Amino acid sequence: MIVEEDGPGYVFRRLRAEAGVYAPGEVTFLAGLLSCIFCVSVWAAAILYVTRGLRFPQWILAVSAGALLVNRAIDKS
């Protein structure tokens, strides 16, 4: 949702705009991060791992891979 959707009340769209995703010219680190589904899925999974207190760090890769599979399934339909 963070990368492709506007979100409720355009919250994700405004977040991307503040980061400079839609600005022409030089791409900042944050703009690149918020426009890449691979990057967002890994960081979101890492945050989930830390906040939920999971035991195995492999959960980061598993959750990220799940998000990428869902994204691919949605793109094909």
PDB file of N, CA and C in Angstrom:
ATOM      1  N   MET A   1       0.823  -1.188   0.000  1.00  0.00           N
ATOM      2  CA  MET A   1       0.000   0.000   0.000  1.00  0.00           C
ATOM      3  C   MET A   1       0.867   1.252   0.000  1.00  0.00           C
ATOM      4  N   ILE A   2       1.968   1.215   0.714  1.00  0.00           N
ATOM      5  CA  ILE A   2       2.810   2.402   0.824  1.00  0.00           C
ATOM      6  C   ILE A   2       3.371   2.812  -0.539  1.00  0.00           C
ATOM      7  N   VAL A   3       3.696   1.845  -1.382  1.00  0.00           N
ATOM      8  CA  VAL A   3       4.337   2.141  -2.657  1.00  0.00           C
ATOM      9  C   VAL A   3       3.341   2.534  -3.741  1.00  0.00           C
ATOM     10  N   GLU A   4       2.181   1.873  -3.806  1.00  0.00           N
ATOM     11  CA  GLU A   4       1.309   2.053  -4.962  1.00  0.00           C
ATOM     12  C   GLU A   4      -0.064   2.650  -4.682  1.00  0.00           C
ATOM     13  N   GLU A   5      -0.548   2.595  -3.465  1.00  0.00           N
ATOM     14  CA  GLU A   5      -1.900   3.057  -3.165  1.00  0.00           C
ATOM     15  C   GLU A   5      -1.879   4.454  -2.548  1.00  0.00           C
ATOM     16  N   ASP A   6      -3.023   5.146  -2.655  1.00  0.00           N
ATOM     17  CA  ASP A   6      -3.143   6.474  -2.043  1.00  0.00           C
ATOM     18  C   ASP A   6      -3.405   6.386  -0.549  1.00  0.00           C
ATOM     19  N   GLY A   7      -4.103   5.340  -0.131  1.00  0.00           N
ATOM     20  CA  GLY A   7      -4.390   5.155   1.288  1.00  0.00           C
ATOM     21  C   GLY A   7      -5.612   5.949   1.735  1.00  0.00           C
ATOM     22  N   PRO A   8      -6.072   5.670   2.934  1.00  0.00           N
ATOM     23  CA  PRO A   8      -7.232   6.402   3.453  1.00  0.00           C
ATOM     24  C   PRO A   8      -6.852   7.858   3.728  1.00  0.00           C
ATOM     25  N   GLY A   9      -7.630   8.766   3.173  1.00  0.00           N
ATOM     26  CA  GLY A   9      -7.327  10.181   3.348  1.00  0.00           C
ATOM     27  C   GLY A   9      -6.042  10.595   2.643  1.00  0.00           C
ATOM     28  N   TYR A  10      -5.639   9.846   1.626  1.00  0.00           N
ATOM     29  CA  TYR A  10      -4.426  10.113   0.849  1.00  0.00           C
ATOM     30  C   TYR A  10      -3.162  10.153   1.717  1.00  0.00           C
ATOM     31  N   VAL A  11      -3.149   9.406   2.808  1.00  0.00           N
ATOM     32  CA  VAL A  11      -2.022   9.437   3.738  1.00  0.00           C
ATOM     33  C   VAL A  11      -0.735   8.910   3.101  1.00  0.00           C
ATOM     34  N   PHE A  12      -0.804   7.839   2.329  1.00  0.00           N
ATOM     35  CA  PHE A  12       0.400   7.284   1.707  1.00  0.00           C
ATOM     36  C   PHE A  12       0.870   8.169   0.556  1.00  0.00           C
ATOM     37  N   ARG A  13      -0.074   8.730  -0.180  1.00  0.00           N
ATOM     38  CA  ARG A  13       0.283   9.643  -1.268  1.00  0.00           C
ATOM     39  C   ARG A  13       0.997  10.883  -0.715  1.00  0.00           C
ATOM     40  N   ARG A  14       0.489  11.423   0.388  1.00  0.00           N
ATOM     41  CA  ARG A  14       1.132  12.591   1.000  1.00  0.00           C
ATOM     42  C   ARG A  14       2.509  12.239   1.550  1.00  0.00           C
ATOM     43  N   LEU A  15       2.647  11.042   2.113  1.00  0.00           N
ATOM     44  CA  LEU A  15       3.949  10.590   2.619  1.00  0.00           C
ATOM     45  C   LEU A  15       4.965  10.523   1.485  1.00  0.00           C
ATOM     46  N   ARG A  16       4.547   9.941   0.350  1.00  0.00           N
ATOM     47  CA  ARG A  16       5.453   9.867  -0.799  1.00  0.00           C
ATOM     48  C   ARG A  16       5.770  11.253  -1.350  1.00  0.00           C
ATOM     49  N   ALA A  17       4.793  12.141  -1.360  1.00  0.00           N
ATOM     50  CA  ALA A  17       5.030  13.503  -1.848  1.00  0.00           C
ATOM     51  C   ALA A  17       6.015  14.241  -0.949  1.00  0.00           C
ATOM     52  N   GLU A  18       5.877  14.092   0.361  1.00  0.00           N
ATOM     53  CA  GLU A  18       6.807  14.739   1.296  1.00  0.00           C
ATOM     54  C   GLU A  18       8.220  14.191   1.153  1.00  0.00           C
ATOM     55  N   ALA A  19       8.328  12.911   0.804  1.00  0.00           N
ATOM     56  CA  ALA A  19       9.638  12.289   0.627  1.00  0.00           C
ATOM     57  C   ALA A  19      10.277  12.673  -0.701  1.00  0.00           C
ATOM     58  N   GLY A  20       9.486  13.235  -1.613  1.00  0.00           N
ATOM     59  CA  GLY A  20      10.014  13.668  -2.901  1.00  0.00           C
ATOM     60  C   GLY A  20       9.905  12.649  -4.008  1.00  0.00           C
ATOM     61  N   VAL A  21       8.996  11.692  -3.877  1.00  0.00           N
ATOM     62  CA  VAL A  21       8.835  10.672  -4.910  1.00  0.00           C
ATOM     63  C   VAL A  21       8.371  11.300  -6.223  1.00  0.00           C
ATOM     64  N   TYR A  22       7.492  12.284  -6.159  1.00  0.00           N
ATOM     65  CA  TYR A  22       6.918  12.882  -7.354  1.00  0.00           C
ATOM     66  C   TYR A  22       7.708  14.089  -7.853  1.00  0.00           C
ATOM     67  N   ALA A  23       8.746  14.494  -7.137  1.00  0.00           N
ATOM     68  CA  ALA A  23       9.529  15.664  -7.523  1.00  0.00           C
ATOM     69  C   ALA A  23      10.484  15.307  -8.667  1.00  0.00           C
ATOM     70  N   PRO A  24      10.535  16.159  -9.680  1.00  0.00           N
ATOM     71  CA  PRO A  24      11.484  15.895 -10.776  1.00  0.00           C
ATOM     72  C   PRO A  24      12.914  16.193 -10.326  1.00  0.00           C
ATOM     73  N   GLY A  25      13.843  15.546 -10.970  1.00  0.00           N
ATOM     74  CA  GLY A  25      15.240  15.815 -10.650  1.00  0.00           C
ATOM     75  C   GLY A  25      15.859  14.733  -9.798  1.00  0.00           C
ATOM     76  N   GLU A  26      16.687  15.144  -8.849  1.00  0.00           N
ATOM     77  CA  GLU A  26      17.445  14.223  -8.016  1.00  0.00           C
ATOM     78  C   GLU A  26      16.539  13.397  -7.112  1.00  0.00           C
ATOM     79  N   VAL A  27      16.779  12.102  -7.073  1.00  0.00           N
ATOM     80  CA  VAL A  27      16.015  11.192  -6.229  1.00  0.00           C
ATOM     81  C   VAL A  27      16.741  11.052  -4.896  1.00  0.00           C
ATOM     82  N   THR A  28      16.045  11.362  -3.823  1.00  0.00           N
ATOM     83  CA  THR A  28      16.637  11.234  -2.494  1.00  0.00           C
ATOM     84  C   THR A  28      16.574   9.780  -2.037  1.00  0.00           C
ATOM     85  N   PHE A  29      17.302   9.466  -0.972  1.00  0.00           N
ATOM     86  CA  PHE A  29      17.294   8.111  -0.425  1.00  0.00           C
ATOM     87  C   PHE A  29      15.891   7.698  -0.001  1.00  0.00           C
ATOM     88  N   LEU A  30      15.194   8.573   0.706  1.00  0.00           N
ATOM     89  CA  LEU A  30      13.854   8.261   1.189  1.00  0.00           C
ATOM     90  C   LEU A  30      12.868   8.102   0.037  1.00  0.00           C
ATOM     91  N   ALA A  31      13.003   8.928  -0.996  1.00  0.00           N
ATOM     92  CA  ALA A  31      12.129   8.802  -2.164  1.00  0.00           C
ATOM     93  C   ALA A  31      12.354   7.466  -2.857  1.00  0.00           C
ATOM     94  N   GLY A  32      13.608   7.067  -2.977  1.00  0.00           N
ATOM     95  CA  GLY A  32      13.912   5.769  -3.575  1.00  0.00           C
ATOM     96  C   GLY A  32      13.381   4.619  -2.741  1.00  0.00           C
ATOM     97  N   LEU A  33      13.467   4.767  -1.438  1.00  0.00           N
ATOM     98  CA  LEU A  33      12.981   3.736  -0.527  1.00  0.00           C
ATOM     99  C   LEU A  33      11.464   3.585  -0.617  1.00  0.00           C
ATOM    100  N   LEU A  34      10.747   4.689  -0.689  1.00  0.00           N
ATOM    101  CA  LEU A  34       9.285   4.637  -0.703  1.00  0.00           C
ATOM    102  C   LEU A  34       8.692   4.335  -2.075  1.00  0.00           C
ATOM    103  N   SER A  35       9.516   4.265  -3.100  1.00  0.00           N
ATOM    104  CA  SER A  35       9.002   3.946  -4.426  1.00  0.00           C
ATOM    105  C   SER A  35       9.389   2.535  -4.880  1.00  0.00           C
ATOM    106  N   CYS A  36      10.030   1.780  -4.014  1.00  0.00           N
ATOM    107  CA  CYS A  36      10.504   0.431  -4.351  1.00  0.00           C
ATOM    108  C   CYS A  36       9.785  -0.600  -3.479  1.00  0.00           C
ATOM    109  N   ILE A  37       9.023  -1.490  -4.103  1.00  0.00           N
ATOM    110  CA  ILE A  37       8.269  -2.498  -3.357  1.00  0.00           C
ATOM    111  C   ILE A  37       9.218  -3.455  -2.631  1.00  0.00           C
ATOM    112  N   PHE A  38      10.370  -3.739  -3.213  1.00  0.00           N
ATOM    113  CA  PHE A  38      11.332  -4.625  -2.566  1.00  0.00           C
ATOM    114  C   PHE A  38      11.865  -4.000  -1.279  1.00  0.00           C
ATOM    115  N   CYS A  39      12.216  -2.723  -1.357  1.00  0.00           N
ATOM    116  CA  CYS A  39      12.765  -2.015  -0.187  1.00  0.00           C
ATOM    117  C   CYS A  39      11.733  -1.899   0.933  1.00  0.00           C
ATOM    118  N   VAL A  40      10.537  -1.482   0.572  1.00  0.00           N
ATOM    119  CA  VAL A  40       9.494  -1.287   1.581  1.00  0.00           C
ATOM    120  C   VAL A  40       9.128  -2.605   2.251  1.00  0.00           C
ATOM    121  N   SER A  41       9.088  -3.691   1.475  1.00  0.00           N
ATOM    122  CA  SER A  41       8.702  -4.974   2.073  1.00  0.00           C
ATOM    123  C   SER A  41       9.736  -5.444   3.093  1.00  0.00           C
ATOM    124  N   VAL A  42      11.009  -5.240   2.822  1.00  0.00           N
ATOM    125  CA  VAL A  42      12.046  -5.657   3.766  1.00  0.00           C
ATOM    126  C   VAL A  42      11.998  -4.797   5.024  1.00  0.00           C
ATOM    127  N   TRP A  43      11.907  -3.468   4.858  1.00  0.00           N
ATOM    128  CA  TRP A  43      11.873  -2.586   6.030  1.00  0.00           C
ATOM    129  C   TRP A  43      10.615  -2.786   6.861  1.00  0.00           C
ATOM    130  N   ALA A  44       9.477  -2.988   6.209  1.00  0.00           N
ATOM    131  CA  ALA A  44       8.240  -3.235   6.952  1.00  0.00           C
ATOM    132  C   ALA A  44       8.325  -4.556   7.717  1.00  0.00           C
ATOM    133  N   ALA A  45       8.892  -5.574   7.092  1.00  0.00           N
ATOM    134  CA  ALA A  45       9.059  -6.867   7.773  1.00  0.00           C
ATOM    135  C   ALA A  45      10.026  -6.745   8.944  1.00  0.00           C
ATOM    136  N   ALA A  46      11.084  -5.965   8.787  1.00  0.00           N
ATOM    137  CA  ALA A  46      12.044  -5.775   9.878  1.00  0.00           C
ATOM    138  C   ALA A  46      11.389  -5.055  11.061  1.00  0.00           C
ATOM    139  N   ILE A  47      10.580  -4.059  10.777  1.00  0.00           N
ATOM    140  CA  ILE A  47       9.863  -3.350  11.842  1.00  0.00           C
ATOM    141  C   ILE A  47       8.883  -4.294  12.532  1.00  0.00           C
ATOM    142  N   LEU A  48       8.191  -5.100  11.752  1.00  0.00           N
ATOM    143  CA  LEU A  48       7.277  -6.083  12.323  1.00  0.00           C
ATOM    144  C   LEU A  48       8.039  -7.076  13.202  1.00  0.00           C
ATOM    145  N   TYR A  49       9.194  -7.508  12.750  1.00  0.00           N
ATOM    146  CA  TYR A  49      10.027  -8.448  13.511  1.00  0.00           C
ATOM    147  C   TYR A  49      10.427  -7.856  14.865  1.00  0.00           C
ATOM    148  N   VAL A  50      10.854  -6.617  14.858  1.00  0.00           N
ATOM    149  CA  VAL A  50      11.307  -5.969  16.095  1.00  0.00           C
ATOM    150  C   VAL A  50      10.146  -5.703  17.046  1.00  0.00           C
ATOM    151  N   THR A  51       9.043  -5.207  16.526  1.00  0.00           N
ATOM    152  CA  THR A  51       7.927  -4.840  17.399  1.00  0.00           C
ATOM    153  C   THR A  51       7.160  -6.045  17.920  1.00  0.00           C
ATOM    154  N   ARG A  52       7.140  -7.135  17.187  1.00  0.00           N
ATOM    155  CA  ARG A  52       6.392  -8.317  17.619  1.00  0.00           C
ATOM    156  C   ARG A  52       7.247  -9.276  18.443  1.00  0.00           C
ATOM    157  N   GLY A  53       8.535  -9.049  18.524  1.00  0.00           N
ATOM    158  CA  GLY A  53       9.415  -9.899  19.329  1.00  0.00           C
ATOM    159  C   GLY A  53       9.512 -11.324  18.827  1.00  0.00           C
ATOM    160  N   LEU A  54       9.566 -11.496  17.530  1.00  0.00           N
ATOM    161  CA  LEU A  54       9.671 -12.837  16.963  1.00  0.00           C
ATOM    162  C   LEU A  54      11.064 -13.412  17.248  1.00  0.00           C
ATOM    163  N   ARG A  55      11.167 -14.724  17.285  1.00  0.00           N
ATOM    164  CA  ARG A  55      12.412 -15.373  17.681  1.00  0.00           C
ATOM    165  C   ARG A  55      13.437 -15.486  16.562  1.00  0.00           C
ATOM    166  N   PHE A  56      12.985 -15.716  15.363  1.00  0.00           N
ATOM    167  CA  PHE A  56      13.907 -16.026  14.277  1.00  0.00           C
ATOM    168  C   PHE A  56      13.959 -14.886  13.261  1.00  0.00           C
ATOM    169  N   PRO A  57      15.158 -14.406  12.930  1.00  0.00           N
ATOM    170  CA  PRO A  57      15.254 -13.309  11.953  1.00  0.00           C
ATOM    171  C   PRO A  57      14.849 -13.715  10.538  1.00  0.00           C
ATOM    172  N   GLN A  58      14.684 -15.010  10.298  1.00  0.00           N
ATOM    173  CA  GLN A  58      14.231 -15.463   8.980  1.00  0.00           C
ATOM    174  C   GLN A  58      12.820 -14.951   8.678  1.00  0.00           C
ATOM    175  N   TRP A  59      12.098 -14.552   9.712  1.00  0.00           N
ATOM    176  CA  TRP A  59      10.756 -14.003   9.513  1.00  0.00           C
ATOM    177  C   TRP A  59      10.796 -12.757   8.644  1.00  0.00           C
ATOM    178  N   ILE A  60      11.883 -11.991   8.733  1.00  0.00           N
ATOM    179  CA  ILE A  60      12.007 -10.787   7.905  1.00  0.00           C
ATOM    180  C   ILE A  60      11.944 -11.169   6.429  1.00  0.00           C
ATOM    181  N   LEU A  61      12.715 -12.165   6.034  1.00  0.00           N
ATOM    182  CA  LEU A  61      12.715 -12.599   4.639  1.00  0.00           C
ATOM    183  C   LEU A  61      11.395 -13.259   4.252  1.00  0.00           C
ATOM    184  N   ALA A  62      10.815 -14.022   5.154  1.00  0.00           N
ATOM    185  CA  ALA A  62       9.558 -14.706   4.858  1.00  0.00           C
ATOM    186  C   ALA A  62       8.420 -13.715   4.643  1.00  0.00           C
ATOM    187  N   VAL A  63       8.303 -12.731   5.515  1.00  0.00           N
ATOM    188  CA  VAL A  63       7.236 -11.739   5.375  1.00  0.00           C
ATOM    189  C   VAL A  63       7.468 -10.893   4.126  1.00  0.00           C
ATOM    190  N   SER A  64       8.714 -10.532   3.866  1.00  0.00           N
ATOM    191  CA  SER A  64       9.039  -9.764   2.668  1.00  0.00           C
ATOM    192  C   SER A  64       8.687 -10.556   1.406  1.00  0.00           C
ATOM    193  N   ALA A  65       9.045 -11.824   1.375  1.00  0.00           N
ATOM    194  CA  ALA A  65       8.722 -12.667   0.219  1.00  0.00           C
ATOM    195  C   ALA A  65       7.215 -12.801   0.046  1.00  0.00           C
ATOM    196  N   GLY A  66       6.480 -12.919   1.146  1.00  0.00           N
ATOM    197  CA  GLY A  66       5.023 -12.980   1.060  1.00  0.00           C
ATOM    198  C   GLY A  66       4.442 -11.715   0.456  1.00  0.00           C
ATOM    199  N   ALA A  67       4.960 -10.575   0.861  1.00  0.00           N
ATOM    200  CA  ALA A  67       4.479  -9.303   0.311  1.00  0.00           C
ATOM    201  C   ALA A  67       4.777  -9.209  -1.187  1.00  0.00           C
ATOM    202  N   LEU A  68       5.939  -9.679  -1.591  1.00  0.00           N
ATOM    203  CA  LEU A  68       6.296  -9.644  -3.012  1.00  0.00           C
ATOM    204  C   LEU A  68       5.442 -10.593  -3.833  1.00  0.00           C
ATOM    205  N   LEU A  69       5.117 -11.757  -3.277  1.00  0.00           N
ATOM    206  CA  LEU A  69       4.235 -12.700  -3.983  1.00  0.00           C
ATOM    207  C   LEU A  69       2.831 -12.125  -4.136  1.00  0.00           C
ATOM    208  N   VAL A  70       2.326 -11.487  -3.114  1.00  0.00           N
ATOM    209  CA  VAL A  70       1.010 -10.854  -3.217  1.00  0.00           C
ATOM    210  C   VAL A  70       1.044  -9.754  -4.257  1.00  0.00           C
ATOM    211  N   ASN A  71       2.097  -8.947  -4.274  1.00  0.00           N
ATOM    212  CA  ASN A  71       2.225  -7.875  -5.252  1.00  0.00           C
ATOM    213  C   ASN A  71       2.261  -8.435  -6.675  1.00  0.00           C
ATOM    214  N   ARG A  72       3.016  -9.504  -6.871  1.00  0.00           N
ATOM    215  CA  ARG A  72       3.093 -10.117  -8.198  1.00  0.00           C
ATOM    216  C   ARG A  72       1.753 -10.691  -8.632  1.00  0.00           C
ATOM    217  N   ALA A  73       1.026 -11.312  -7.705  1.00  0.00           N
ATOM    218  CA  ALA A  73      -0.288 -11.879  -8.035  1.00  0.00           C
ATOM    219  C   ALA A  73      -1.268 -10.776  -8.416  1.00  0.00           C
ATOM    220  N   ILE A  74      -1.207  -9.668  -7.744  1.00  0.00           N
ATOM    221  CA  ILE A  74      -2.106  -8.545  -8.039  1.00  0.00           C
ATOM    222  C   ILE A  74      -1.748  -7.921  -9.387  1.00  0.00           C
ATOM    223  N   ASP A  75      -0.464  -7.798  -9.681  1.00  0.00           N
ATOM    224  CA  ASP A  75      -0.039  -7.205 -10.950  1.00  0.00           C
ATOM    225  C   ASP A  75      -0.445  -8.049 -12.149  1.00  0.00           C
ATOM    226  N   LYS A  76      -0.511  -9.361 -11.991  1.00  0.00           N
ATOM    227  CA  LYS A  76      -0.868 -10.236 -13.104  1.00  0.00           C
ATOM    228  C   LYS A  76      -2.365 -10.237 -13.392  1.00  0.00           C
ATOM    229  N   SER A  77      -3.175  -9.884 -12.420  1.00  0.00           N
ATOM    230  CA  SER A  77      -4.630  -9.927 -12.657  1.00  0.00           C
ATOM    231  C   SER A  77      -5.140  -8.628 -13.207  1.00  0.00           C
TER     232      SER A  77
END
